[in-house]
Amino acid sequence: MIHVVGGVYWEQCAAPTWDVVLGSGGRAAACLSTKRETSLHTFISQEMRDGFDGILRSYDFTFNPIVRDYGYTFRYLSPLILH
């Protein structure tokens, strides 16, 4: 089993439109779970945990959250476009 310890946070982008709870830890666990049994360990707020349920249904990894009173959000106002 691979254990991922990483951040799960709200990602919001103005262009292209993107509004999802994922984060680098969630992204890594989702990617690795397609190849190996994976477990994600992270801090997360209850509100974000509710938003993370869609990711949990889409991928097969064990989720080991430590629920706390607050979470983090990254807001990108400029386009996330690579040239």
PDB file of N, CA and C in Angstrom:
ATOM      1  N   MET A   1       0.842  -1.180   0.000  1.00  0.00           N
ATOM      2  CA  MET A   1       0.000   0.000   0.000  1.00  0.00           C
ATOM      3  C   MET A   1       0.888   1.245   0.000  1.00  0.00           C
ATOM      4  N   ILE A   2       0.458   2.237  -0.747  1.00  0.00           N
ATOM      5  CA  ILE A   2       1.124   3.536  -0.768  1.00  0.00           C
ATOM      6  C   ILE A   2       0.339   4.487   0.130  1.00  0.00           C
ATOM      7  N   HIS A   3       1.035   5.146   1.036  1.00  0.00           N
ATOM      8  CA  HIS A   3       0.409   6.141   1.907  1.00  0.00           C
ATOM      9  C   HIS A   3       0.782   7.526   1.401  1.00  0.00           C
ATOM     10  N   VAL A   4      -0.221   8.317   1.083  1.00  0.00           N
ATOM     11  CA  VAL A   4      -0.028   9.707   0.653  1.00  0.00           C
ATOM     12  C   VAL A   4      -0.397  10.601   1.832  1.00  0.00           C
ATOM     13  N   VAL A   5       0.505  11.503   2.188  1.00  0.00           N
ATOM     14  CA  VAL A   5       0.229  12.506   3.205  1.00  0.00           C
ATOM     15  C   VAL A   5       0.317  13.843   2.489  1.00  0.00           C
ATOM     16  N   GLY A   6      -0.820  14.519   2.331  1.00  0.00           N
ATOM     17  CA  GLY A   6      -0.803  15.754   1.561  1.00  0.00           C
ATOM     18  C   GLY A   6      -2.062  16.566   1.739  1.00  0.00           C
ATOM     19  N   GLY A   7      -2.015  17.761   1.194  1.00  0.00           N
ATOM     20  CA  GLY A   7      -3.096  18.714   1.356  1.00  0.00           C
ATOM     21  C   GLY A   7      -4.307  18.432   0.491  1.00  0.00           C
ATOM     22  N   VAL A   8      -5.466  18.623   1.084  1.00  0.00           N
ATOM     23  CA  VAL A   8      -6.732  18.645   0.362  1.00  0.00           C
ATOM     24  C   VAL A   8      -7.312  20.024   0.617  1.00  0.00           C
ATOM     25  N   TYR A   9      -7.559  20.776  -0.454  1.00  0.00           N
ATOM     26  CA  TYR A   9      -8.033  22.149  -0.308  1.00  0.00           C
ATOM     27  C   TYR A   9      -8.934  22.501  -1.478  1.00  0.00           C
ATOM     28  N   TRP A  10      -9.679  23.593  -1.303  1.00  0.00           N
ATOM     29  CA  TRP A  10     -10.593  24.061  -2.335  1.00  0.00           C
ATOM     30  C   TRP A  10      -9.782  24.804  -3.386  1.00  0.00           C
ATOM     31  N   GLU A  11      -9.985  24.457  -4.645  1.00  0.00           N
ATOM     32  CA  GLU A  11      -9.316  25.129  -5.762  1.00  0.00           C
ATOM     33  C   GLU A  11     -10.377  25.869  -6.571  1.00  0.00           C
ATOM     34  N   GLN A  12     -10.197  27.174  -6.711  1.00  0.00           N
ATOM     35  CA  GLN A  12     -11.135  27.975  -7.498  1.00  0.00           C
ATOM     36  C   GLN A  12     -10.343  28.798  -8.500  1.00  0.00           C
ATOM     37  N   CYS A  13     -10.757  28.749  -9.751  1.00  0.00           N
ATOM     38  CA  CYS A  13     -10.074  29.481 -10.823  1.00  0.00           C
ATOM     39  C   CYS A  13     -11.130  30.194 -11.667  1.00  0.00           C
ATOM     40  N   ALA A  14     -10.828  31.446 -12.018  1.00  0.00           N
ATOM     41  CA  ALA A  14     -11.766  32.240 -12.818  1.00  0.00           C
ATOM     42  C   ALA A  14     -11.775  31.795 -14.278  1.00  0.00           C
ATOM     43  N   ALA A  15     -10.596  31.497 -14.836  1.00  0.00           N
ATOM     44  CA  ALA A  15     -10.524  31.096 -16.243  1.00  0.00           C
ATOM     45  C   ALA A  15      -9.359  30.126 -16.432  1.00  0.00           C
ATOM     46  N   PRO A  16      -9.598  28.952 -16.866  1.00  0.00           N
ATOM     47  CA  PRO A  16     -10.914  28.354 -17.095  1.00  0.00           C
ATOM     48  C   PRO A  16     -11.635  28.137 -15.762  1.00  0.00           C
ATOM     49  N   THR A  17     -12.953  28.088 -15.816  1.00  0.00           N
ATOM     50  CA  THR A  17     -13.747  27.930 -14.607  1.00  0.00           C
ATOM     51  C   THR A  17     -13.447  26.589 -13.952  1.00  0.00           C
ATOM     52  N   TRP A  18     -13.071  26.661 -12.678  1.00  0.00           N
ATOM     53  CA  TRP A  18     -12.706  25.461 -11.937  1.00  0.00           C
ATOM     54  C   TRP A  18     -13.052  25.713 -10.481  1.00  0.00           C
ATOM     55  N   ASP A  19     -13.844  24.859  -9.872  1.00  0.00           N
ATOM     56  CA  ASP A  19     -14.257  25.011  -8.487  1.00  0.00           C
ATOM     57  C   ASP A  19     -14.433  23.618  -7.904  1.00  0.00           C
ATOM     58  N   VAL A  20     -13.372  23.111  -7.267  1.00  0.00           N
ATOM     59  CA  VAL A  20     -13.387  21.727  -6.807  1.00  0.00           C
ATOM     60  C   VAL A  20     -12.528  21.584  -5.552  1.00  0.00           C
ATOM     61  N   VAL A  21     -12.904  20.664  -4.690  1.00  0.00           N
ATOM     62  CA  VAL A  21     -12.073  20.290  -3.553  1.00  0.00           C
ATOM     63  C   VAL A  21     -11.191  19.140  -4.023  1.00  0.00           C
ATOM     64  N   LEU A  22      -9.888  19.383  -4.071  1.00  0.00           N
ATOM     65  CA  LEU A  22      -8.966  18.350  -4.547  1.00  0.00           C
ATOM     66  C   LEU A  22      -7.609  18.484  -3.874  1.00  0.00           C
ATOM     67  N   GLY A  23      -6.821  19.479  -4.255  1.00  0.00           N
ATOM     68  CA  GLY A  23      -5.511  19.680  -3.653  1.00  0.00           C
ATOM     69  C   GLY A  23      -4.471  18.697  -4.146  1.00  0.00           C
ATOM     70  N   SER A  24      -3.228  18.960  -3.808  1.00  0.00           N
ATOM     71  CA  SER A  24      -2.128  18.119  -4.284  1.00  0.00           C
ATOM     72  C   SER A  24      -2.189  16.713  -3.691  1.00  0.00           C
ATOM     73  N   GLY A  25      -2.588  16.597  -2.434  1.00  0.00           N
ATOM     74  CA  GLY A  25      -2.712  15.271  -1.827  1.00  0.00           C
ATOM     75  C   GLY A  25      -3.825  14.457  -2.457  1.00  0.00           C
ATOM     76  N   GLY A  26      -4.965  15.093  -2.689  1.00  0.00           N
ATOM     77  CA  GLY A  26      -6.075  14.411  -3.353  1.00  0.00           C
ATOM     78  C   GLY A  26      -5.735  13.995  -4.766  1.00  0.00           C
ATOM     79  N   ARG A  27      -5.041  14.869  -5.475  1.00  0.00           N
ATOM     80  CA  ARG A  27      -4.625  14.589  -6.847  1.00  0.00           C
ATOM     81  C   ARG A  27      -3.642  13.413  -6.881  1.00  0.00           C
ATOM     82  N   ALA A  28      -2.687  13.406  -5.957  1.00  0.00           N
ATOM     83  CA  ALA A  28      -1.696  12.315  -5.911  1.00  0.00           C
ATOM     84  C   ALA A  28      -2.364  10.985  -5.578  1.00  0.00           C
ATOM     85  N   ALA A  29      -3.261  10.990  -4.593  1.00  0.00           N
ATOM     86  CA  ALA A  29      -3.948   9.748  -4.215  1.00  0.00           C
ATOM     87  C   ALA A  29      -4.799   9.219  -5.364  1.00  0.00           C
ATOM     88  N   ALA A  30      -5.498  10.115  -6.048  1.00  0.00           N
ATOM     89  CA  ALA A  30      -6.326   9.693  -7.181  1.00  0.00           C
ATOM     90  C   ALA A  30      -5.470   9.066  -8.273  1.00  0.00           C
ATOM     91  N   CYS A  31      -4.356   9.693  -8.579  1.00  0.00           N
ATOM     92  CA  CYS A  31      -3.462   9.188  -9.628  1.00  0.00           C
ATOM     93  C   CYS A  31      -2.866   7.826  -9.246  1.00  0.00           C
ATOM     94  N   LEU A  32      -2.335   7.730  -8.040  1.00  0.00           N
ATOM     95  CA  LEU A  32      -1.689   6.486  -7.612  1.00  0.00           C
ATOM     96  C   LEU A  32      -2.685   5.347  -7.443  1.00  0.00           C
ATOM     97  N   SER A  33      -3.923   5.658  -7.103  1.00  0.00           N
ATOM     98  CA  SER A  33      -4.912   4.602  -6.851  1.00  0.00           C
ATOM     99  C   SER A  33      -5.270   3.822  -8.105  1.00  0.00           C
ATOM    100  N   THR A  34      -4.935   4.347  -9.276  1.00  0.00           N
ATOM    101  CA  THR A  34      -5.199   3.601 -10.510  1.00  0.00           C
ATOM    102  C   THR A  34      -4.179   2.483 -10.714  1.00  0.00           C
ATOM    103  N   LYS A  35      -3.079   2.515  -9.941  1.00  0.00           N
ATOM    104  CA  LYS A  35      -2.007   1.515 -10.108  1.00  0.00           C
ATOM    105  C   LYS A  35      -1.803   0.629  -8.882  1.00  0.00           C
ATOM    106  N   ARG A  36      -1.993   1.213  -7.673  1.00  0.00           N
ATOM    107  CA  ARG A  36      -1.702   0.488  -6.446  1.00  0.00           C
ATOM    108  C   ARG A  36      -2.748   0.816  -5.390  1.00  0.00           C
ATOM    109  N   GLU A  37      -2.854  -0.021  -4.387  1.00  0.00           N
ATOM    110  CA  GLU A  37      -3.713   0.277  -3.247  1.00  0.00           C
ATOM    111  C   GLU A  37      -3.146   1.514  -2.551  1.00  0.00           C
ATOM    112  N   THR A  38      -4.000   2.507  -2.326  1.00  0.00           N
ATOM    113  CA  THR A  38      -3.545   3.811  -1.854  1.00  0.00           C
ATOM    114  C   THR A  38      -4.380   4.295  -0.685  1.00  0.00           C
ATOM    115  N   SER A  39      -3.720   5.006   0.233  1.00  0.00           N
ATOM    116  CA  SER A  39      -4.387   5.598   1.381  1.00  0.00           C
ATOM    117  C   SER A  39      -3.965   7.064   1.479  1.00  0.00           C
ATOM    118  N   LEU A  40      -4.941   7.969   1.658  1.00  0.00           N
ATOM    119  CA  LEU A  40      -4.674   9.400   1.781  1.00  0.00           C
ATOM    120  C   LEU A  40      -4.900   9.848   3.213  1.00  0.00           C
ATOM    121  N   HIS A  41      -3.903  10.514   3.783  1.00  0.00           N
ATOM    122  CA  HIS A  41      -3.961  11.078   5.128  1.00  0.00           C
ATOM    123  C   HIS A  41      -3.869  12.595   4.986  1.00  0.00           C
ATOM    124  N   THR A  42      -4.846  13.330   5.548  1.00  0.00           N
ATOM    125  CA  THR A  42      -4.858  14.777   5.394  1.00  0.00           C
ATOM    126  C   THR A  42      -5.692  15.443   6.484  1.00  0.00           C
ATOM    127  N   PHE A  43      -5.451  16.732   6.683  1.00  0.00           N
ATOM    128  CA  PHE A  43      -6.325  17.579   7.481  1.00  0.00           C
ATOM    129  C   PHE A  43      -7.385  18.145   6.544  1.00  0.00           C
ATOM    130  N   ILE A  44      -8.634  18.250   7.023  1.00  0.00           N
ATOM    131  CA  ILE A  44      -9.694  18.757   6.163  1.00  0.00           C
ATOM    132  C   ILE A  44     -10.838  19.288   7.039  1.00  0.00           C
ATOM    133  N   SER A  45     -11.514  20.341   6.569  1.00  0.00           N
ATOM    134  CA  SER A  45     -12.695  20.831   7.292  1.00  0.00           C
ATOM    135  C   SER A  45     -13.892  19.963   6.905  1.00  0.00           C
ATOM    136  N   GLN A  46     -14.938  19.989   7.730  1.00  0.00           N
ATOM    137  CA  GLN A  46     -16.130  19.194   7.423  1.00  0.00           C
ATOM    138  C   GLN A  46     -16.757  19.649   6.117  1.00  0.00           C
ATOM    139  N   GLU A  47     -16.800  20.971   5.873  1.00  0.00           N
ATOM    140  CA  GLU A  47     -17.358  21.492   4.628  1.00  0.00           C
ATOM    141  C   GLU A  47     -16.598  20.962   3.418  1.00  0.00           C
ATOM    142  N   MET A  48     -15.279  20.956   3.493  1.00  0.00           N
ATOM    143  CA  MET A  48     -14.490  20.445   2.372  1.00  0.00           C
ATOM    144  C   MET A  48     -14.614  18.938   2.252  1.00  0.00           C
ATOM    145  N   ARG A  49     -14.754  18.265   3.362  1.00  0.00           N
ATOM    146  CA  ARG A  49     -14.934  16.809   3.307  1.00  0.00           C
ATOM    147  C   ARG A  49     -16.201  16.469   2.541  1.00  0.00           C
ATOM    148  N   ASP A  50     -17.273  17.232   2.776  1.00  0.00           N
ATOM    149  CA  ASP A  50     -18.517  17.012   2.042  1.00  0.00           C
ATOM    150  C   ASP A  50     -18.291  17.226   0.540  1.00  0.00           C
ATOM    151  N   GLY A  51     -17.507  18.237   0.166  1.00  0.00           N
ATOM    152  CA  GLY A  51     -17.210  18.502  -1.236  1.00  0.00           C
ATOM    153  C   GLY A  51     -16.257  17.497  -1.854  1.00  0.00           C
ATOM    154  N   PHE A  52     -15.500  16.798  -1.022  1.00  0.00           N
ATOM    155  CA  PHE A  52     -14.516  15.818  -1.486  1.00  0.00           C
ATOM    156  C   PHE A  52     -15.156  14.475  -1.805  1.00  0.00           C
ATOM    157  N   ASP A  53     -16.404  14.279  -1.402  1.00  0.00           N
ATOM    158  CA  ASP A  53     -17.079  12.997  -1.613  1.00  0.00           C
ATOM    159  C   ASP A  53     -17.129  12.577  -3.075  1.00  0.00           C
ATOM    160  N   GLY A  54     -17.259  13.539  -4.004  1.00  0.00           N
ATOM    161  CA  GLY A  54     -17.278  13.204  -5.427  1.00  0.00           C
ATOM    162  C   GLY A  54     -15.976  12.578  -5.882  1.00  0.00           C
ATOM    163  N   ILE A  55     -14.863  13.082  -5.371  1.00  0.00           N
ATOM    164  CA  ILE A  55     -13.555  12.505  -5.698  1.00  0.00           C
ATOM    165  C   ILE A  55     -13.472  11.090  -5.135  1.00  0.00           C
ATOM    166  N   LEU A  56     -13.940  10.903  -3.913  1.00  0.00           N
ATOM    167  CA  LEU A  56     -13.891   9.576  -3.295  1.00  0.00           C
ATOM    168  C   LEU A  56     -14.702   8.558  -4.083  1.00  0.00           C
ATOM    169  N   ARG A  57     -15.815   8.981  -4.658  1.00  0.00           N
ATOM    170  CA  ARG A  57     -16.637   8.068  -5.463  1.00  0.00           C
ATOM    171  C   ARG A  57     -15.994   7.757  -6.811  1.00  0.00           C
ATOM    172  N   SER A  58     -15.184   8.688  -7.317  1.00  0.00           N
ATOM    173  CA  SER A  58     -14.580   8.515  -8.634  1.00  0.00           C
ATOM    174  C   SER A  58     -13.318   7.658  -8.622  1.00  0.00           C
ATOM    175  N   TYR A  59     -12.639   7.578  -7.480  1.00  0.00           N
ATOM    176  CA  TYR A  59     -11.372   6.850  -7.380  1.00  0.00           C
ATOM    177  C   TYR A  59     -11.431   5.888  -6.211  1.00  0.00           C
ATOM    178  N   ASP A  60     -10.556   4.908  -6.246  1.00  0.00           N
ATOM    179  CA  ASP A  60     -10.563   3.869  -5.227  1.00  0.00           C
ATOM    180  C   ASP A  60      -9.344   4.017  -4.319  1.00  0.00           C
ATOM    181  N   PHE A  61      -9.453   4.887  -3.302  1.00  0.00           N
ATOM    182  CA  PHE A  61      -8.405   4.963  -2.291  1.00  0.00           C
ATOM    183  C   PHE A  61      -9.042   5.133  -0.920  1.00  0.00           C
ATOM    184  N   THR A  62      -8.317   4.713   0.089  1.00  0.00           N
ATOM    185  CA  THR A  62      -8.780   4.836   1.464  1.00  0.00           C
ATOM    186  C   THR A  62      -8.539   6.262   1.927  1.00  0.00           C
ATOM    187  N   PHE A  63      -9.549   6.863   2.552  1.00  0.00           N
ATOM    188  CA  PHE A  63      -9.453   8.248   3.003  1.00  0.00           C
ATOM    189  C   PHE A  63      -9.369   8.272   4.524  1.00  0.00           C
ATOM    190  N   ASN A  64      -8.288   8.854   5.042  1.00  0.00           N
ATOM    191  CA  ASN A  64      -8.054   8.938   6.481  1.00  0.00           C
ATOM    192  C   ASN A  64      -7.959  10.406   6.886  1.00  0.00           C
ATOM    193  N   PRO A  65      -9.104  11.083   7.016  1.00  0.00           N
ATOM    194  CA  PRO A  65      -9.074  12.516   7.318  1.00  0.00           C
ATOM    195  C   PRO A  65      -8.916  12.800   8.806  1.00  0.00           C
ATOM    196  N   ILE A  66      -8.313  13.925   9.094  1.00  0.00           N
ATOM    197  CA  ILE A  66      -8.341  14.513  10.427  1.00  0.00           C
ATOM    198  C   ILE A  66      -9.165  15.782  10.259  1.00  0.00           C
ATOM    199  N   VAL A  67     -10.413  15.757  10.737  1.00  0.00           N
ATOM    200  CA  VAL A  67     -11.333  16.875  10.527  1.00  0.00           C
ATOM    201  C   VAL A  67     -11.013  17.983  11.527  1.00  0.00           C
ATOM    202  N   ARG A  68     -10.949  19.202  11.010  1.00  0.00           N
ATOM    203  CA  ARG A  68     -10.706  20.365  11.862  1.00  0.00           C
ATOM    204  C   ARG A  68     -11.700  21.465  11.520  1.00  0.00           C
ATOM    205  N   ASP A  69     -11.650  22.561  12.227  1.00  0.00           N
ATOM    206  CA  ASP A  69     -12.661  23.610  12.095  1.00  0.00           C
ATOM    207  C   ASP A  69     -12.532  24.452  10.829  1.00  0.00           C
ATOM    208  N   TYR A  70     -11.412  24.438  10.172  1.00  0.00           N
ATOM    209  CA  TYR A  70     -11.207  25.308   9.013  1.00  0.00           C
ATOM    210  C   TYR A  70     -10.412  24.571   7.939  1.00  0.00           C
ATOM    211  N   GLY A  71     -10.499  25.103   6.726  1.00  0.00           N
ATOM    212  CA  GLY A  71      -9.750  24.549   5.605  1.00  0.00           C
ATOM    213  C   GLY A  71      -9.122  25.680   4.813  1.00  0.00           C
ATOM    214  N   TYR A  72      -8.484  25.337   3.732  1.00  0.00           N
ATOM    215  CA  TYR A  72      -7.803  26.321   2.896  1.00  0.00           C
ATOM    216  C   TYR A  72      -8.414  26.357   1.508  1.00  0.00           C
ATOM    217  N   THR A  73      -8.367  27.542   0.903  1.00  0.00           N
ATOM    218  CA  THR A  73      -8.837  27.733  -0.465  1.00  0.00           C
ATOM    219  C   THR A  73      -7.783  28.491  -1.247  1.00  0.00           C
ATOM    220  N   PHE A  74      -7.505  28.029  -2.451  1.00  0.00           N
ATOM    221  CA  PHE A  74      -6.629  28.748  -3.371  1.00  0.00           C
ATOM    222  C   PHE A  74      -7.512  29.320  -4.472  1.00  0.00           C
ATOM    223  N   ARG A  75      -7.465  30.642  -4.650  1.00  0.00           N
ATOM    224  CA  ARG A  75      -8.271  31.319  -5.677  1.00  0.00           C
ATOM    225  C   ARG A  75      -7.332  31.938  -6.698  1.00  0.00           C
ATOM    226  N   TYR A  76      -7.525  31.543  -7.949  1.00  0.00           N
ATOM    227  CA  TYR A  76      -6.718  32.053  -9.049  1.00  0.00           C
ATOM    228  C   TYR A  76      -7.599  32.949  -9.908  1.00  0.00           C
ATOM    229  N   LEU A  77      -7.285  34.238  -9.952  1.00  0.00           N
ATOM    230  CA  LEU A  77      -8.076  35.168 -10.758  1.00  0.00           C
ATOM    231  C   LEU A  77      -7.583  35.265 -12.186  1.00  0.00           C
ATOM    232  N   SER A  78      -6.291  35.028 -12.389  1.00  0.00           N
ATOM    233  CA  SER A  78      -5.731  35.069 -13.738  1.00  0.00           C
ATOM    234  C   SER A  78      -5.830  33.682 -14.370  1.00  0.00           C
ATOM    235  N   PRO A  79      -5.870  33.604 -15.680  1.00  0.00           N
ATOM    236  CA  PRO A  79      -5.991  32.318 -16.355  1.00  0.00           C
ATOM    237  C   PRO A  79      -4.814  31.390 -16.061  1.00  0.00           C
ATOM    238  N   LEU A  80      -5.114  30.132 -15.898  1.00  0.00           N
ATOM    239  CA  LEU A  80      -4.076  29.127 -15.714  1.00  0.00           C
ATOM    240  C   LEU A  80      -3.777  28.485 -17.062  1.00  0.00           C
ATOM    241  N   ILE A  81      -3.104  29.234 -17.892  1.00  0.00           N
ATOM    242  CA  ILE A  81      -2.796  28.792 -19.256  1.00  0.00           C
ATOM    243  C   ILE A  81      -1.285  28.799 -19.442  1.00  0.00           C
ATOM    244  N   LEU A  82      -0.761  27.694 -19.933  1.00  0.00           N
ATOM    245  CA  LEU A  82       0.671  27.595 -20.204  1.00  0.00           C
ATOM    246  C   LEU A  82       0.952  28.020 -21.639  1.00  0.00           C
ATOM    247  N   HIS A  83       1.992  28.802 -21.832  1.00  0.00           N
ATOM    248  CA  HIS A  83       2.368  29.235 -23.177  1.00  0.00           C
ATOM    249  C   HIS A  83       3.566  28.480 -23.668  1.00  0.00           C
TER     250      HIS A  83
END
